[in-house]
Amino acid sequence: MEPAEEQDAGNHTLLSELILSGLPSRPILQHLLFFTICFIYSMTLIGNLLICMATAHPTLHKPMYFFLHVLSFLDISTASVVLPKMLVSTLSEDRSISYLGCVTQLYCVVFLASTEWYLLAAMAYDRYVAVCHTLRYPVVMSTRACLSMVLLSCCGGQVVSVVQTAWVFTLFFCGPRRINYFFCDIPLLVLLSCVDTSRYERQLISATVLVIFTPSCLILLSYTCIISSILRISPAESRHKTFSTCSSHLTVVTLYCASGILIYLQPKPSDSQETKKVLALVYTTVIPTLNPLIYSLTNKEVKEVLIRGMAVLMKK
């Protein structure tokens, strides 16, 4: 893909790079942010790698943990696409990103985010079958079915990412090259365009519905059925035990829904830009860090495997 051109009164000039100006410029804040991001990135890598190793244990060869394994890999990838560039830009005077780098980063962010949403819907379906159709669970959620769901999630993410990235970078960019953000994202790039983007904004809303609202509706439907089934279980202790198998996934879904919808519901940023920057930071850095904590603290089987693994390491 060739660099986009800026169009101004018929004159075209190549747009070779963009400036990510969403990070603070005061030295004391830069150093504080650098160490904070470094800590978050380290925790994200360590936590998700531990979950990947734990879910690879023979006792956790179940559909729920297979999906969790893939989710942890996606979290590592998301953090690795955004945070290393942030770390470099925080302490560097040069906050530019090349045109090709911006295309690559946008493609990866959209692909990983879209795939993760579809995967969360697949995980909700897994919990629905486990609770509402317990006897059929081994047949419905077979290894082949699980692999197919992950593959479909990746294919869906690939299609959305290719279409969105190609559409954004066929726009003509003009005006300042600065993006008041810390990574290349669609709403901010649309603002740089010097052509009418109303048609694209409608298309972006449609993509938001496809990527966020459709999986959210499927998740909501799954948990409506799950809660209905749980309420029919007696005694109360059994209800609590059944719901505990879903609580970690429901917590993660709530975090993604709250931040994702607030960021992308309106494609054109306005006065709430600073708020959206904070939400984007939560979406791309904090949530991938929290996911391992949520699953390890609320899931007894994962917790037991991690504790046994740490005990073995301590003995060595």
C-alpha atoms as a PDB file:
ATOM      1  CA  MET A   1       0.000   0.000   0.000  1.00  0.00           C
ATOM      2  CA  GLU A   2       1.529   3.338  -1.100  1.00  0.00           C
ATOM      3  CA  PRO A   3       1.616   6.339   1.232  1.00  0.00           C
ATOM      4  CA  ALA A   4      -1.530   8.416   1.132  1.00  0.00           C
ATOM      5  CA  GLU A   5      -1.426  11.854  -0.401  1.00  0.00           C
ATOM      6  CA  GLU A   6      -2.455  15.123   1.145  1.00  0.00           C
ATOM      7  CA  GLN A   7      -4.801  17.047  -1.135  1.00  0.00           C
ATOM      8  CA  ASP A   8      -4.909  20.842  -0.890  1.00  0.00           C
ATOM      9  CA  ALA A   9      -6.231  22.981  -3.730  1.00  0.00           C
ATOM     10  CA  GLY A  10      -5.212  20.391  -6.256  1.00  0.00           C
ATOM     11  CA  ASN A  11      -1.640  20.050  -4.978  1.00  0.00           C
ATOM     12  CA  HIS A  12      -0.653  16.571  -3.761  1.00  0.00           C
ATOM     13  CA  THR A  13       2.219  15.900  -1.366  1.00  0.00           C
ATOM     14  CA  LEU A  14       3.220  12.581   0.097  1.00  0.00           C
ATOM     15  CA  LEU A  15       2.285  11.870   3.715  1.00  0.00           C
ATOM     16  CA  SER A  16       5.310   9.899   4.875  1.00  0.00           C
ATOM     17  CA  GLU A  17       4.777   9.999   8.650  1.00  0.00           C
ATOM     18  CA  LEU A  18       2.427  11.031  11.447  1.00  0.00           C
ATOM     19  CA  ILE A  19       3.078  12.514  14.892  1.00  0.00           C
ATOM     20  CA  LEU A  20       1.535  10.814  17.954  1.00  0.00           C
ATOM     21  CA  SER A  21       1.089  13.758  20.324  1.00  0.00           C
ATOM     22  CA  GLY A  22      -1.210  12.148  22.883  1.00  0.00           C
ATOM     23  CA  LEU A  23       1.530  11.611  25.478  1.00  0.00           C
ATOM     24  CA  PRO A  24       2.536  14.254  28.077  1.00  0.00           C
ATOM     25  CA  SER A  25       5.450  16.562  27.279  1.00  0.00           C
ATOM     26  CA  ARG A  26       6.531  17.485  30.834  1.00  0.00           C
ATOM     27  CA  PRO A  27       9.684  15.489  31.815  1.00  0.00           C
ATOM     28  CA  ILE A  28       8.420  14.451  35.256  1.00  0.00           C
ATOM     29  CA  LEU A  29       5.194  13.097  33.762  1.00  0.00           C
ATOM     30  CA  GLN A  30       7.124  11.378  30.979  1.00  0.00           C
ATOM     31  CA  HIS A  31       9.285   9.463  33.448  1.00  0.00           C
ATOM     32  CA  LEU A  32       6.296   8.574  35.611  1.00  0.00           C
ATOM     33  CA  LEU A  33       4.360   7.342  32.570  1.00  0.00           C
ATOM     34  CA  PHE A  34       7.380   5.387  31.304  1.00  0.00           C
ATOM     35  CA  PHE A  35       7.759   3.388  34.512  1.00  0.00           C
ATOM     36  CA  THR A  36       3.973   2.909  34.775  1.00  0.00           C
ATOM     37  CA  ILE A  37       3.722   1.572  31.223  1.00  0.00           C
ATOM     38  CA  CYS A  38       6.811  -0.578  31.730  1.00  0.00           C
ATOM     39  CA  PHE A  39       5.253  -2.095  34.863  1.00  0.00           C
ATOM     40  CA  ILE A  40       1.892  -2.685  33.156  1.00  0.00           C
ATOM     41  CA  TYR A  41       3.532  -4.293  30.120  1.00  0.00           C
ATOM     42  CA  SER A  42       5.659  -6.569  32.320  1.00  0.00           C
ATOM     43  CA  MET A  43       2.602  -7.615  34.333  1.00  0.00           C
ATOM     44  CA  THR A  44       0.645  -8.243  31.140  1.00  0.00           C
ATOM     45  CA  LEU A  45       3.341 -10.505  29.729  1.00  0.00           C
ATOM     46  CA  ILE A  46       3.965 -12.391  32.989  1.00  0.00           C
ATOM     47  CA  GLY A  47       0.294 -12.811  33.880  1.00  0.00           C
ATOM     48  CA  ASN A  48      -0.869 -13.960  30.463  1.00  0.00           C
ATOM     49  CA  LEU A  49       2.119 -16.255  29.959  1.00  0.00           C
ATOM     50  CA  LEU A  50       1.289 -17.898  33.309  1.00  0.00           C
ATOM     51  CA  ILE A  51      -2.319 -18.376  32.157  1.00  0.00           C
ATOM     52  CA  CYS A  52      -1.078 -19.870  28.864  1.00  0.00           C
ATOM     53  CA  MET A  53       1.145 -22.318  30.749  1.00  0.00           C
ATOM     54  CA  ALA A  54      -1.583 -23.164  33.272  1.00  0.00           C
ATOM     55  CA  THR A  55      -4.217 -23.851  30.603  1.00  0.00           C
ATOM     56  CA  ALA A  56      -1.759 -26.116  28.796  1.00  0.00           C
ATOM     57  CA  HIS A  57      -1.767 -28.427  31.854  1.00  0.00           C
ATOM     58  CA  PRO A  58      -3.422 -31.837  31.179  1.00  0.00           C
ATOM     59  CA  THR A  59      -6.037 -31.290  33.922  1.00  0.00           C
ATOM     60  CA  LEU A  60      -7.274 -28.150  32.143  1.00  0.00           C
ATOM     61  CA  HIS A  61      -7.782 -29.618  28.684  1.00  0.00           C
ATOM     62  CA  LYS A  62     -11.353 -28.358  28.513  1.00  0.00           C
ATOM     63  CA  PRO A  63     -13.067 -25.992  26.023  1.00  0.00           C
ATOM     64  CA  MET A  64     -13.298 -23.110  28.520  1.00  0.00           C
ATOM     65  CA  TYR A  65      -9.552 -23.190  29.169  1.00  0.00           C
ATOM     66  CA  PHE A  66      -8.739 -23.592  25.484  1.00  0.00           C
ATOM     67  CA  PHE A  67     -10.598 -20.337  24.810  1.00  0.00           C
ATOM     68  CA  LEU A  68      -8.860 -18.732  27.786  1.00  0.00           C
ATOM     69  CA  HIS A  69      -5.499 -19.807  26.340  1.00  0.00           C
ATOM     70  CA  VAL A  70      -6.320 -18.062  23.049  1.00  0.00           C
ATOM     71  CA  LEU A  71      -7.625 -14.981  24.894  1.00  0.00           C
ATOM     72  CA  SER A  72      -4.341 -14.669  26.796  1.00  0.00           C
ATOM     73  CA  PHE A  73      -2.388 -14.892  23.537  1.00  0.00           C
ATOM     74  CA  LEU A  74      -4.542 -12.114  22.045  1.00  0.00           C
ATOM     75  CA  ASP A  75      -3.975  -9.964  25.150  1.00  0.00           C
ATOM     76  CA  ILE A  76      -0.204 -10.374  24.854  1.00  0.00           C
ATOM     77  CA  SER A  77      -0.392  -9.459  21.169  1.00  0.00           C
ATOM     78  CA  THR A  78      -2.565  -6.379  21.775  1.00  0.00           C
ATOM     79  CA  ALA A  79      -0.221  -5.038  24.437  1.00  0.00           C
ATOM     80  CA  SER A  80       2.820  -5.759  22.244  1.00  0.00           C
ATOM     81  CA  VAL A  81       1.353  -3.826  19.310  1.00  0.00           C
ATOM     82  CA  VAL A  82       0.693  -0.661  21.355  1.00  0.00           C
ATOM     83  CA  LEU A  83       2.971  -0.478  24.409  1.00  0.00           C
ATOM     84  CA  PRO A  84       6.532  -0.805  22.982  1.00  0.00           C
ATOM     85  CA  LYS A  85       5.940   2.217  20.723  1.00  0.00           C
ATOM     86  CA  MET A  86       4.503   4.097  23.710  1.00  0.00           C
ATOM     87  CA  LEU A  87       7.610   3.299  25.777  1.00  0.00           C
ATOM     88  CA  VAL A  88       9.915   4.612  23.040  1.00  0.00           C
ATOM     89  CA  SER A  89       7.822   7.745  22.435  1.00  0.00           C
ATOM     90  CA  THR A  90       7.522   8.575  26.140  1.00  0.00           C
ATOM     91  CA  LEU A  91      11.238   9.325  26.604  1.00  0.00           C
ATOM     92  CA  SER A  92      12.023  10.352  23.033  1.00  0.00           C
ATOM     93  CA  GLU A  93      11.733  13.723  21.365  1.00  0.00           C
ATOM     94  CA  ASP A  94      10.783  11.963  18.159  1.00  0.00           C
ATOM     95  CA  ARG A  95       7.159  10.830  18.432  1.00  0.00           C
ATOM     96  CA  SER A  96       6.674  10.214  14.750  1.00  0.00           C
ATOM     97  CA  ILE A  97       5.404   6.980  13.261  1.00  0.00           C
ATOM     98  CA  SER A  98       5.943   6.114   9.622  1.00  0.00           C
ATOM     99  CA  TYR A  99       3.014   5.789   7.253  1.00  0.00           C
ATOM    100  CA  LEU A 100       3.658   2.047   6.876  1.00  0.00           C
ATOM    101  CA  GLY A 101       4.051   1.715  10.649  1.00  0.00           C
ATOM    102  CA  CYS A 102       0.692   3.413  11.186  1.00  0.00           C
ATOM    103  CA  VAL A 103      -0.989   1.133   8.627  1.00  0.00           C
ATOM    104  CA  THR A 104       0.513  -1.939  10.287  1.00  0.00           C
ATOM    105  CA  GLN A 105      -0.401  -0.822  13.805  1.00  0.00           C
ATOM    106  CA  LEU A 106      -3.982   0.021  12.837  1.00  0.00           C
ATOM    107  CA  TYR A 107      -4.414  -3.309  11.047  1.00  0.00           C
ATOM    108  CA  CYS A 108      -3.108  -5.261  14.046  1.00  0.00           C
ATOM    109  CA  VAL A 109      -5.165  -3.321  16.617  1.00  0.00           C
ATOM    110  CA  VAL A 110      -8.411  -3.763  14.656  1.00  0.00           C
ATOM    111  CA  PHE A 111      -7.697  -7.436  13.918  1.00  0.00           C
ATOM    112  CA  LEU A 112      -6.887  -8.306  17.536  1.00  0.00           C
ATOM    113  CA  ALA A 113      -9.796  -6.296  18.991  1.00  0.00           C
ATOM    114  CA  SER A 114     -12.334  -7.753  16.533  1.00  0.00           C
ATOM    115  CA  THR A 115     -11.083 -11.299  17.046  1.00  0.00           C
ATOM    116  CA  GLU A 116     -11.269 -10.853  20.807  1.00  0.00           C
ATOM    117  CA  TRP A 117     -14.889  -9.715  20.653  1.00  0.00           C
ATOM    118  CA  TYR A 118     -15.890 -12.746  18.575  1.00  0.00           C
ATOM    119  CA  LEU A 119     -13.919 -15.002  20.917  1.00  0.00           C
ATOM    120  CA  LEU A 120     -15.750 -13.573  23.942  1.00  0.00           C
ATOM    121  CA  ALA A 121     -19.044 -14.458  22.218  1.00  0.00           C
ATOM    122  CA  ALA A 122     -17.747 -18.008  21.649  1.00  0.00           C
ATOM    123  CA  MET A 123     -16.777 -18.247  25.324  1.00  0.00           C
ATOM    124  CA  ALA A 124     -20.279 -17.113  26.325  1.00  0.00           C
ATOM    125  CA  TYR A 125     -21.767 -19.834  24.112  1.00  0.00           C
ATOM    126  CA  ASP A 126     -19.465 -22.365  25.767  1.00  0.00           C
ATOM    127  CA  ARG A 127     -20.794 -21.352  29.215  1.00  0.00           C
ATOM    128  CA  TYR A 128     -24.370 -21.485  27.890  1.00  0.00           C
ATOM    129  CA  VAL A 129     -23.962 -25.070  26.683  1.00  0.00           C
ATOM    130  CA  ALA A 130     -22.169 -26.056  29.912  1.00  0.00           C
ATOM    131  CA  VAL A 131     -24.967 -24.732  32.131  1.00  0.00           C
ATOM    132  CA  CYS A 132     -28.120 -25.190  30.026  1.00  0.00           C
ATOM    133  CA  HIS A 133     -27.237 -28.394  28.132  1.00  0.00           C
ATOM    134  CA  THR A 134     -24.841 -30.126  30.507  1.00  0.00           C
ATOM    135  CA  LEU A 135     -25.365 -33.659  29.183  1.00  0.00           C
ATOM    136  CA  ARG A 136     -24.737 -32.597  25.572  1.00  0.00           C
ATOM    137  CA  TYR A 137     -21.721 -30.441  26.444  1.00  0.00           C
ATOM    138  CA  PRO A 138     -18.959 -32.947  25.479  1.00  0.00           C
ATOM    139  CA  VAL A 139     -20.620 -33.530  22.099  1.00  0.00           C
ATOM    140  CA  VAL A 140     -21.485 -29.913  21.253  1.00  0.00           C
ATOM    141  CA  MET A 141     -18.184 -28.437  22.446  1.00  0.00           C
ATOM    142  CA  SER A 142     -15.905 -30.988  20.834  1.00  0.00           C
ATOM    143  CA  THR A 143     -12.299 -30.230  19.937  1.00  0.00           C
ATOM    144  CA  ARG A 144     -13.318 -29.691  16.326  1.00  0.00           C
ATOM    145  CA  ALA A 145     -16.096 -27.280  17.335  1.00  0.00           C
ATOM    146  CA  CYS A 146     -13.741 -25.263  19.551  1.00  0.00           C
ATOM    147  CA  LEU A 147     -11.099 -25.001  16.834  1.00  0.00           C
ATOM    148  CA  SER A 148     -13.780 -23.953  14.331  1.00  0.00           C
ATOM    149  CA  MET A 149     -15.004 -21.181  16.657  1.00  0.00           C
ATOM    150  CA  VAL A 150     -11.492 -19.811  17.131  1.00  0.00           C
ATOM    151  CA  LEU A 151     -10.833 -19.996  13.386  1.00  0.00           C
ATOM    152  CA  LEU A 152     -14.109 -18.202  12.609  1.00  0.00           C
ATOM    153  CA  SER A 153     -13.244 -15.526  15.176  1.00  0.00           C
ATOM    154  CA  CYS A 154      -9.879 -14.966  13.498  1.00  0.00           C
ATOM    155  CA  CYS A 155     -11.442 -14.902  10.021  1.00  0.00           C
ATOM    156  CA  GLY A 156     -14.037 -12.377  11.187  1.00  0.00           C
ATOM    157  CA  GLY A 157     -11.310 -10.207  12.689  1.00  0.00           C
ATOM    158  CA  GLN A 158      -9.260 -10.492   9.495  1.00  0.00           C
ATOM    159  CA  VAL A 159     -12.138  -9.373   7.270  1.00  0.00           C
ATOM    160  CA  VAL A 160     -13.033  -6.416   9.490  1.00  0.00           C
ATOM    161  CA  SER A 161      -9.396  -5.347   9.805  1.00  0.00           C
ATOM    162  CA  VAL A 162      -8.619  -5.519   6.080  1.00  0.00           C
ATOM    163  CA  VAL A 163     -11.770  -3.600   5.112  1.00  0.00           C
ATOM    164  CA  GLN A 164     -11.373  -0.892   7.789  1.00  0.00           C
ATOM    165  CA  THR A 165      -7.634  -0.382   7.218  1.00  0.00           C
ATOM    166  CA  ALA A 166      -7.976  -0.264   3.438  1.00  0.00           C
ATOM    167  CA  TRP A 167     -10.905   2.166   3.668  1.00  0.00           C
ATOM    168  CA  VAL A 168      -9.135   4.565   6.056  1.00  0.00           C
ATOM    169  CA  PHE A 169      -5.934   4.724   4.041  1.00  0.00           C
ATOM    170  CA  THR A 170      -7.707   5.379   0.747  1.00  0.00           C
ATOM    171  CA  LEU A 171      -8.788   8.744   2.186  1.00  0.00           C
ATOM    172  CA  PHE A 172      -6.837  11.891   1.324  1.00  0.00           C
ATOM    173  CA  PHE A 173      -5.117  13.371   4.395  1.00  0.00           C
ATOM    174  CA  CYS A 174      -4.448  17.076   4.824  1.00  0.00           C
ATOM    175  CA  GLY A 175      -3.819  19.655   7.520  1.00  0.00           C
ATOM    176  CA  PRO A 176      -1.660  18.868  10.567  1.00  0.00           C
ATOM    177  CA  ARG A 177      -0.014  15.473  10.740  1.00  0.00           C
ATOM    178  CA  ARG A 178      -0.520  15.310  14.504  1.00  0.00           C
ATOM    179  CA  ILE A 179      -2.782  12.740  16.146  1.00  0.00           C
ATOM    180  CA  ASN A 180      -3.797  13.532  19.715  1.00  0.00           C
ATOM    181  CA  TYR A 181      -3.511   9.883  20.676  1.00  0.00           C
ATOM    182  CA  PHE A 182      -0.866   7.353  21.626  1.00  0.00           C
ATOM    183  CA  PHE A 183      -1.448   4.920  18.753  1.00  0.00           C
ATOM    184  CA  CYS A 184      -2.988   4.948  15.276  1.00  0.00           C
ATOM    185  CA  ASP A 185      -6.745   4.529  15.587  1.00  0.00           C
ATOM    186  CA  ILE A 186      -9.570   4.972  13.105  1.00  0.00           C
ATOM    187  CA  PRO A 187     -11.529   7.927  14.578  1.00  0.00           C
ATOM    188  CA  LEU A 188      -8.419  10.117  14.825  1.00  0.00           C
ATOM    189  CA  LEU A 189      -7.200   9.284  11.321  1.00  0.00           C
ATOM    190  CA  VAL A 190     -10.626  10.150   9.888  1.00  0.00           C
ATOM    191  CA  LEU A 191     -10.263  13.654  11.376  1.00  0.00           C
ATOM    192  CA  LEU A 192      -7.139  14.223   9.253  1.00  0.00           C
ATOM    193  CA  SER A 193      -9.007  13.654   6.023  1.00  0.00           C
ATOM    194  CA  CYS A 194      -9.709  16.649   3.768  1.00  0.00           C
ATOM    195  CA  VAL A 195     -12.658  14.985   2.017  1.00  0.00           C
ATOM    196  CA  ASP A 196     -16.235  14.412   3.135  1.00  0.00           C
ATOM    197  CA  THR A 197     -16.136  11.455   5.530  1.00  0.00           C
ATOM    198  CA  SER A 198     -19.861  11.239   6.350  1.00  0.00           C
ATOM    199  CA  ARG A 199     -20.233   8.108   4.228  1.00  0.00           C
ATOM    200  CA  TYR A 200     -17.236   6.506   5.893  1.00  0.00           C
ATOM    201  CA  GLU A 201     -18.523   7.425   9.357  1.00  0.00           C
ATOM    202  CA  ARG A 202     -21.789   5.628   8.592  1.00  0.00           C
ATOM    203  CA  GLN A 203     -19.785   2.623   7.459  1.00  0.00           C
ATOM    204  CA  LEU A 204     -17.714   2.802  10.656  1.00  0.00           C
ATOM    205  CA  ILE A 205     -20.874   2.769  12.768  1.00  0.00           C
ATOM    206  CA  SER A 206     -21.987  -0.329  10.845  1.00  0.00           C
ATOM    207  CA  ALA A 207     -18.627  -1.968  11.568  1.00  0.00           C
ATOM    208  CA  THR A 208     -18.980  -1.046  15.250  1.00  0.00           C
ATOM    209  CA  VAL A 209     -22.379  -2.748  15.315  1.00  0.00           C
ATOM    210  CA  LEU A 210     -20.916  -5.826  13.613  1.00  0.00           C
ATOM    211  CA  VAL A 211     -17.851  -6.082  15.866  1.00  0.00           C
ATOM    212  CA  ILE A 212     -19.183  -4.908  19.246  1.00  0.00           C
ATOM    213  CA  PHE A 213     -22.969  -4.933  19.378  1.00  0.00           C
ATOM    214  CA  THR A 214     -23.569  -8.248  17.609  1.00  0.00           C
ATOM    215  CA  PRO A 215     -21.248 -10.247  19.921  1.00  0.00           C
ATOM    216  CA  SER A 216     -22.626  -8.256  22.886  1.00  0.00           C
ATOM    217  CA  CYS A 217     -26.187  -9.268  21.979  1.00  0.00           C
ATOM    218  CA  LEU A 218     -25.126 -12.922  21.650  1.00  0.00           C
ATOM    219  CA  ILE A 219     -23.366 -12.705  25.026  1.00  0.00           C
ATOM    220  CA  LEU A 220     -26.419 -11.058  26.604  1.00  0.00           C
ATOM    221  CA  LEU A 221     -28.706 -13.741  25.173  1.00  0.00           C
ATOM    222  CA  SER A 222     -26.397 -16.508  26.434  1.00  0.00           C
ATOM    223  CA  TYR A 223     -26.278 -15.082  29.954  1.00  0.00           C
ATOM    224  CA  THR A 224     -30.018 -14.494  30.032  1.00  0.00           C
ATOM    225  CA  CYS A 225     -30.491 -18.222  29.404  1.00  0.00           C
ATOM    226  CA  ILE A 226     -27.718 -19.074  31.888  1.00  0.00           C
ATOM    227  CA  ILE A 227     -29.202 -16.959  34.685  1.00  0.00           C
ATOM    228  CA  SER A 228     -32.664 -18.366  33.979  1.00  0.00           C
ATOM    229  CA  SER A 229     -31.299 -21.912  34.316  1.00  0.00           C
ATOM    230  CA  ILE A 230     -29.292 -21.091  37.444  1.00  0.00           C
ATOM    231  CA  LEU A 231     -32.355 -19.642  39.208  1.00  0.00           C
ATOM    232  CA  ARG A 232     -34.095 -22.999  38.757  1.00  0.00           C
ATOM    233  CA  ILE A 233     -31.255 -24.835  40.511  1.00  0.00           C
ATOM    234  CA  SER A 234     -31.556 -25.715  44.191  1.00  0.00           C
ATOM    235  CA  PRO A 235     -30.105 -25.453  46.786  1.00  0.00           C
ATOM    236  CA  ALA A 236     -28.507 -21.985  46.823  1.00  0.00           C
ATOM    237  CA  GLU A 237     -25.022 -23.479  47.231  1.00  0.00           C
ATOM    238  CA  SER A 238     -25.352 -25.267  43.898  1.00  0.00           C
ATOM    239  CA  ARG A 239     -26.528 -22.053  42.247  1.00  0.00           C
ATOM    240  CA  HIS A 240     -23.481 -20.199  43.543  1.00  0.00           C
ATOM    241  CA  LYS A 241     -21.114 -22.953  42.367  1.00  0.00           C
ATOM    242  CA  THR A 242     -22.642 -22.952  38.880  1.00  0.00           C
ATOM    243  CA  PHE A 243     -22.554 -19.179  38.532  1.00  0.00           C
ATOM    244  CA  SER A 244     -18.937 -19.031  39.732  1.00  0.00           C
ATOM    245  CA  THR A 245     -17.898 -20.850  36.530  1.00  0.00           C
ATOM    246  CA  CYS A 246     -19.248 -17.878  34.544  1.00  0.00           C
ATOM    247  CA  SER A 247     -18.341 -14.944  36.792  1.00  0.00           C
ATOM    248  CA  SER A 248     -14.797 -14.405  35.472  1.00  0.00           C
ATOM    249  CA  HIS A 249     -15.932 -14.321  31.835  1.00  0.00           C
ATOM    250  CA  LEU A 250     -18.822 -11.997  32.689  1.00  0.00           C
ATOM    251  CA  THR A 251     -16.440  -9.599  34.473  1.00  0.00           C
ATOM    252  CA  VAL A 252     -14.094  -9.463  31.463  1.00  0.00           C
ATOM    253  CA  VAL A 253     -16.999  -8.936  29.048  1.00  0.00           C
ATOM    254  CA  THR A 254     -18.303  -6.043  31.170  1.00  0.00           C
ATOM    255  CA  LEU A 255     -14.893  -4.325  31.083  1.00  0.00           C
ATOM    256  CA  TYR A 256     -14.616  -4.690  27.304  1.00  0.00           C
ATOM    257  CA  CYS A 257     -18.192  -3.541  26.680  1.00  0.00           C
ATOM    258  CA  ALA A 258     -17.934  -0.476  28.899  1.00  0.00           C
ATOM    259  CA  SER A 259     -14.703   0.822  27.353  1.00  0.00           C
ATOM    260  CA  GLY A 260     -15.193  -0.372  23.753  1.00  0.00           C
ATOM    261  CA  ILE A 261     -18.689   1.052  23.299  1.00  0.00           C
ATOM    262  CA  LEU A 262     -17.773   4.422  24.852  1.00  0.00           C
ATOM    263  CA  ILE A 263     -14.748   4.747  22.542  1.00  0.00           C
ATOM    264  CA  TYR A 264     -16.259   3.672  19.225  1.00  0.00           C
ATOM    265  CA  LEU A 265     -19.962   4.492  19.525  1.00  0.00           C
ATOM    266  CA  GLN A 266     -19.264   7.945  18.070  1.00  0.00           C
ATOM    267  CA  PRO A 267     -16.597   7.775  15.337  1.00  0.00           C
ATOM    268  CA  LYS A 268     -15.861  11.522  15.373  1.00  0.00           C
ATOM    269  CA  PRO A 269     -14.219  12.606  18.669  1.00  0.00           C
ATOM    270  CA  SER A 270     -15.367  15.859  20.230  1.00  0.00           C
ATOM    271  CA  ASP A 271     -14.927  17.457  23.630  1.00  0.00           C
ATOM    272  CA  SER A 272     -14.631  14.031  25.232  1.00  0.00           C
ATOM    273  CA  GLN A 273     -11.309  13.293  23.527  1.00  0.00           C
ATOM    274  CA  GLU A 274      -9.293  13.215  26.759  1.00  0.00           C
ATOM    275  CA  THR A 275     -11.805  10.811  28.290  1.00  0.00           C
ATOM    276  CA  LYS A 276     -11.583   8.580  25.226  1.00  0.00           C
ATOM    277  CA  LYS A 277      -7.793   8.566  25.486  1.00  0.00           C
ATOM    278  CA  VAL A 278      -8.076   7.270  29.038  1.00  0.00           C
ATOM    279  CA  LEU A 279     -10.633   4.648  27.963  1.00  0.00           C
ATOM    280  CA  ALA A 280      -8.392   3.577  25.073  1.00  0.00           C
ATOM    281  CA  LEU A 281      -5.490   3.243  27.506  1.00  0.00           C
ATOM    282  CA  VAL A 282      -7.677   1.036  29.721  1.00  0.00           C
ATOM    283  CA  TYR A 283      -8.851  -0.994  26.719  1.00  0.00           C
ATOM    284  CA  THR A 284      -5.396  -1.677  25.287  1.00  0.00           C
ATOM    285  CA  THR A 285      -3.239  -1.875  28.433  1.00  0.00           C
ATOM    286  CA  VAL A 286      -5.157  -2.273  31.689  1.00  0.00           C
ATOM    287  CA  ILE A 287      -7.712  -4.908  30.640  1.00  0.00           C
ATOM    288  CA  PRO A 288      -5.057  -7.296  29.224  1.00  0.00           C
ATOM    289  CA  THR A 289      -3.293  -6.950  32.594  1.00  0.00           C
ATOM    290  CA  LEU A 290      -6.452  -7.567  34.613  1.00  0.00           C
ATOM    291  CA  ASN A 291      -7.628 -10.623  32.667  1.00  0.00           C
ATOM    292  CA  PRO A 292      -5.079 -13.045  34.206  1.00  0.00           C
ATOM    293  CA  LEU A 293      -5.871 -11.713  37.685  1.00  0.00           C
ATOM    294  CA  ILE A 294      -9.614 -12.091  37.143  1.00  0.00           C
ATOM    295  CA  TYR A 295      -9.339 -15.658  35.858  1.00  0.00           C
ATOM    296  CA  SER A 296      -6.717 -16.784  38.365  1.00  0.00           C
ATOM    297  CA  LEU A 297      -8.486 -15.308  41.394  1.00  0.00           C
ATOM    298  CA  THR A 298     -12.035 -16.413  40.503  1.00  0.00           C
ATOM    299  CA  ASN A 299     -11.286 -19.801  38.956  1.00  0.00           C
ATOM    300  CA  LYS A 300     -10.382 -22.518  41.446  1.00  0.00           C
ATOM    301  CA  GLU A 301      -8.879 -24.945  38.906  1.00  0.00           C
ATOM    302  CA  VAL A 302      -6.568 -22.336  37.350  1.00  0.00           C
ATOM    303  CA  LYS A 303      -5.547 -21.164  40.806  1.00  0.00           C
ATOM    304  CA  GLU A 304      -4.685 -24.708  41.905  1.00  0.00           C
ATOM    305  CA  VAL A 305      -2.560 -25.381  38.809  1.00  0.00           C
ATOM    306  CA  LEU A 306      -0.669 -22.101  39.269  1.00  0.00           C
ATOM    307  CA  ILE A 307      -0.050 -22.799  42.962  1.00  0.00           C
ATOM    308  CA  ARG A 308       1.217 -26.335  42.214  1.00  0.00           C
ATOM    309  CA  GLY A 309       3.457 -24.980  39.464  1.00  0.00           C
ATOM    310  CA  MET A 310       4.931 -22.337  41.761  1.00  0.00           C
ATOM    311  CA  ALA A 311       5.469 -24.949  44.485  1.00  0.00           C
ATOM    312  CA  VAL A 312       7.445 -27.114  42.050  1.00  0.00           C
ATOM    313  CA  LEU A 313       9.582 -24.129  41.021  1.00  0.00           C
ATOM    314  CA  MET A 314      10.251 -23.237  44.658  1.00  0.00           C
ATOM    315  CA  LYS A 315      11.487 -26.750  45.359  1.00  0.00           C
ATOM    316  CA  LYS A 316      13.920 -26.567  42.481  1.00  0.00           C
END
